[in-house]
Amino acid sequence: MKDAFVKLKNDLQALTDDLYKADFFTPEKVLVIGCSTSETIGEHIGKSSSDEAADVIFKHFFEIANKENMHLLFQGCEHINRSLTTSRHTMEALKLEEVTVVPHKEAGGSLSELAYKELSDAVVVESVTADRGIDIGQTLIGMHLKHVAIPVRTSVKKVGEAVVTIATTRPKLVGGPRAHYK
């Protein structure tokens, strides 16, 4: 199992390297991380939550978000309606509404639970409209992205054993045949 976490760390680093090249990590942007720690270790989503995988993933993205001055939110599973764990600072800065739930392995998942324990003044919010998203293990983060999501292609297709999908967003194009765009 130890090799699995070395692979997980290496996959995250390779993914991050690709995303830095794509200018994905941008100050003040909102980043949602959805993750099935079960999938990262080769198990079925929701069946084998891994505290160890959660620790690796949380620390990795927390460090990047701090370094790049991004707002970071961790999506929970469907048992808490895919609500998001974040810091009170982010909640207030984005004018989000707090909900009452404490994520745990069986309702929220290991990553959401760890984020709730580790983030400074952690809160849970129902939804966000994020600029960026990383979905590890097909946890369906799309409901938390701005309306025009753009896939970001990387050389990394899996993190651990979990399929990874990355998206950024752009503003909607409005108007018609006479409209002009940048």
Protein backbone atom coordinates (compact mmCIF):
# COMPACT_ATOMS: atom_id res chain seq x y z
CA MET A 1 0.00 0.00 0.00
CA LYS A 2 2.94 2.33 0.68
CA ASP A 3 3.81 2.25 -3.04
CA ALA A 4 0.27 3.42 -3.79
CA PHE A 5 0.85 6.63 -1.84
CA VAL A 6 4.22 7.23 -3.52
CA LYS A 7 2.41 6.87 -6.87
CA LEU A 8 -0.33 9.20 -5.65
CA LYS A 9 2.22 11.88 -4.70
CA ASN A 10 4.05 11.49 -8.01
CA ASP A 11 0.80 11.69 -10.00
CA LEU A 12 -0.25 14.83 -8.13
CA GLN A 13 3.11 16.45 -8.80
CA ALA A 14 3.00 15.60 -12.52
CA LEU A 15 -0.58 16.92 -12.72
CA THR A 16 0.44 20.12 -10.93
CA ASP A 17 3.39 20.61 -13.27
CA ASP A 18 1.05 20.34 -16.28
CA LEU A 19 -1.45 22.74 -14.70
CA TYR A 20 1.23 25.33 -13.94
CA LYS A 21 2.23 25.23 -17.62
CA ALA A 22 -1.44 25.86 -18.50
CA ASP A 23 -1.66 28.89 -16.12
CA PHE A 24 -4.37 27.07 -14.18
CA PHE A 25 -3.39 28.32 -10.71
CA THR A 26 -4.30 32.01 -10.69
CA PRO A 27 -4.49 34.36 -7.68
CA GLU A 28 -7.95 35.12 -6.31
CA LYS A 29 -9.61 32.39 -8.41
CA VAL A 30 -11.94 29.87 -6.80
CA LEU A 31 -10.79 26.23 -6.97
CA VAL A 32 -13.01 23.25 -6.15
CA ILE A 33 -11.45 19.87 -5.47
CA GLY A 34 -13.68 16.83 -5.65
CA CYS A 35 -12.09 13.50 -4.76
CA SER A 36 -12.98 9.91 -4.07
CA THR A 37 -10.11 8.65 -1.95
CA SER A 38 -11.55 5.16 -2.52
CA GLU A 39 -11.00 5.52 -6.27
CA THR A 40 -7.44 6.78 -5.79
CA ILE A 41 -6.52 3.49 -4.11
CA GLY A 42 -8.30 1.38 -6.73
CA GLU A 43 -11.54 0.73 -4.88
CA HIS A 44 -15.16 1.61 -5.73
CA ILE A 45 -16.25 5.19 -4.97
CA GLY A 46 -17.63 5.52 -1.44
CA LYS A 47 -16.59 2.04 -0.32
CA SER A 48 -13.03 2.34 1.04
CA SER A 49 -12.34 5.89 2.15
CA SER A 50 -8.64 6.42 2.78
CA ASP A 51 -7.39 8.81 5.44
CA GLU A 52 -3.86 8.44 4.05
CA ALA A 53 -4.90 9.42 0.51
CA ALA A 54 -6.93 12.33 1.92
CA ASP A 55 -3.87 13.56 3.80
CA VAL A 56 -1.66 13.47 0.68
CA ILE A 57 -4.26 15.23 -1.49
CA PHE A 58 -5.27 17.84 1.10
CA LYS A 59 -1.69 18.87 1.86
CA HIS A 60 -0.82 19.05 -1.85
CA PHE A 61 -3.65 21.37 -2.85
CA PHE A 62 -3.66 23.37 0.38
CA GLU A 63 -0.01 24.28 -0.21
CA ILE A 64 -0.70 25.34 -3.81
CA ALA A 65 -3.78 27.38 -2.88
CA ASN A 66 -1.84 29.22 -0.18
CA LYS A 67 1.14 29.84 -2.46
CA GLU A 68 -1.07 31.11 -5.29
CA ASN A 69 -3.57 32.97 -3.07
CA MET A 70 -6.57 31.00 -4.34
CA HIS A 71 -9.88 30.26 -2.63
CA LEU A 72 -10.01 26.51 -2.00
CA LEU A 73 -13.08 24.37 -1.41
CA PHE A 74 -13.36 20.60 -1.01
CA GLN A 75 -16.56 18.96 -2.27
CA GLY A 76 -18.20 16.31 -0.14
CA CYS A 77 -20.09 13.30 -1.46
CA GLU A 78 -23.76 12.99 -2.29
CA HIS A 79 -24.63 12.07 1.31
CA ILE A 80 -24.17 15.74 2.22
CA ASN A 81 -25.57 16.94 -1.13
CA ARG A 82 -22.07 17.66 -2.48
CA SER A 83 -21.68 20.58 -0.09
CA LEU A 84 -18.22 22.11 0.24
CA THR A 85 -15.77 22.47 3.10
CA THR A 86 -13.75 25.67 3.17
CA SER A 87 -12.42 28.34 5.50
CA ARG A 88 -14.64 31.01 7.01
CA HIS A 89 -12.39 33.56 5.27
CA THR A 90 -13.30 32.11 1.84
CA MET A 91 -16.97 31.83 2.77
CA GLU A 92 -17.10 35.49 3.77
CA ALA A 93 -14.96 36.74 0.85
CA LEU A 94 -17.23 34.95 -1.66
CA LYS A 95 -20.42 35.77 0.26
CA LEU A 96 -21.42 32.11 0.52
CA GLU A 97 -24.05 30.72 2.83
CA GLU A 98 -22.99 28.36 5.61
CA VAL A 99 -24.92 25.12 6.17
CA THR A 100 -24.99 22.92 9.23
CA VAL A 101 -23.20 19.61 8.78
CA VAL A 102 -19.91 18.10 9.89
CA PRO A 103 -18.39 15.98 7.11
CA HIS A 104 -17.10 12.53 8.02
CA LYS A 105 -16.03 9.39 6.16
CA GLU A 106 -19.53 8.01 5.77
CA ALA A 107 -21.14 11.33 4.81
CA GLY A 108 -18.80 13.71 3.08
CA GLY A 109 -15.79 11.48 2.59
CA SER A 110 -12.27 11.38 3.97
CA LEU A 111 -11.01 14.48 2.15
CA SER A 112 -13.93 16.65 3.25
CA GLU A 113 -13.59 15.34 6.80
CA LEU A 114 -9.86 16.10 6.87
CA ALA A 115 -10.39 19.58 5.39
CA TYR A 116 -12.96 20.29 8.12
CA LYS A 117 -10.41 19.31 10.77
CA GLU A 118 -7.40 21.04 9.21
CA LEU A 119 -8.68 24.31 7.74
CA SER A 120 -8.55 27.38 9.92
CA ASP A 121 -12.09 28.12 11.14
CA ALA A 122 -13.63 25.54 8.79
CA VAL A 123 -17.21 25.83 7.59
CA VAL A 124 -19.42 23.99 5.13
CA VAL A 125 -21.29 25.80 2.37
CA GLU A 126 -23.98 24.48 0.06
CA SER A 127 -22.66 25.72 -3.25
CA VAL A 128 -20.17 27.94 -5.06
CA THR A 129 -19.63 29.16 -8.59
CA ALA A 130 -15.98 28.25 -9.12
CA ASP A 131 -13.49 29.34 -11.75
CA ARG A 132 -11.50 26.10 -11.65
CA GLY A 133 -12.14 22.49 -10.76
CA ILE A 134 -10.22 19.27 -10.28
CA ASP A 135 -12.32 16.12 -10.08
CA ILE A 136 -10.41 13.05 -8.93
CA GLY A 137 -12.47 9.88 -9.20
CA GLN A 138 -15.52 11.21 -11.07
CA THR A 139 -17.17 12.87 -8.08
CA LEU A 140 -19.20 15.20 -10.35
CA ILE A 141 -18.05 18.70 -9.42
CA GLY A 142 -19.73 20.33 -12.43
CA MET A 143 -22.57 21.74 -10.34
CA HIS A 144 -20.01 24.01 -8.66
CA LEU A 145 -18.42 25.46 -11.81
CA LYS A 146 -19.36 28.58 -13.72
CA HIS A 147 -21.74 27.88 -16.59
CA VAL A 148 -19.16 27.64 -19.36
CA ALA A 149 -16.67 24.98 -18.31
CA ILE A 150 -13.65 24.35 -20.50
CA PRO A 151 -11.80 21.03 -20.18
CA VAL A 152 -8.09 21.28 -19.41
CA ARG A 153 -6.08 18.46 -20.97
CA THR A 154 -2.99 17.17 -19.20
CA SER A 155 -0.63 14.27 -19.66
CA VAL A 156 -1.93 12.88 -16.35
CA LYS A 157 -5.13 10.88 -16.87
CA LYS A 158 -5.26 9.28 -13.43
CA VAL A 159 -4.28 10.29 -9.91
CA GLY A 160 -3.48 7.06 -8.16
CA GLU A 161 -6.06 4.75 -9.71
CA ALA A 162 -8.74 7.47 -10.10
CA VAL A 163 -9.66 9.15 -13.37
CA VAL A 164 -8.96 12.88 -13.16
CA THR A 165 -10.94 15.57 -14.96
CA ILE A 166 -9.89 19.22 -14.88
CA ALA A 167 -11.84 22.29 -15.94
CA THR A 168 -11.44 26.01 -16.11
CA THR A 169 -14.23 28.39 -17.06
CA ARG A 170 -14.89 31.38 -19.27
CA PRO A 171 -17.61 34.01 -19.32
CA LYS A 172 -20.71 33.26 -21.39
CA LEU A 173 -20.78 34.65 -24.92
CA VAL A 174 -24.01 36.62 -25.29
CA GLY A 175 -25.58 38.29 -28.27
CA GLY A 176 -26.05 37.01 -31.76
CA PRO A 177 -24.63 37.36 -35.25
CA ARG A 178 -23.90 41.07 -34.74
CA ALA A 179 -22.09 40.63 -31.44
CA HIS A 180 -18.31 41.06 -31.20
CA TYR A 181 -16.01 39.29 -28.75
CA LYS A 182 -12.41 39.71 -27.63
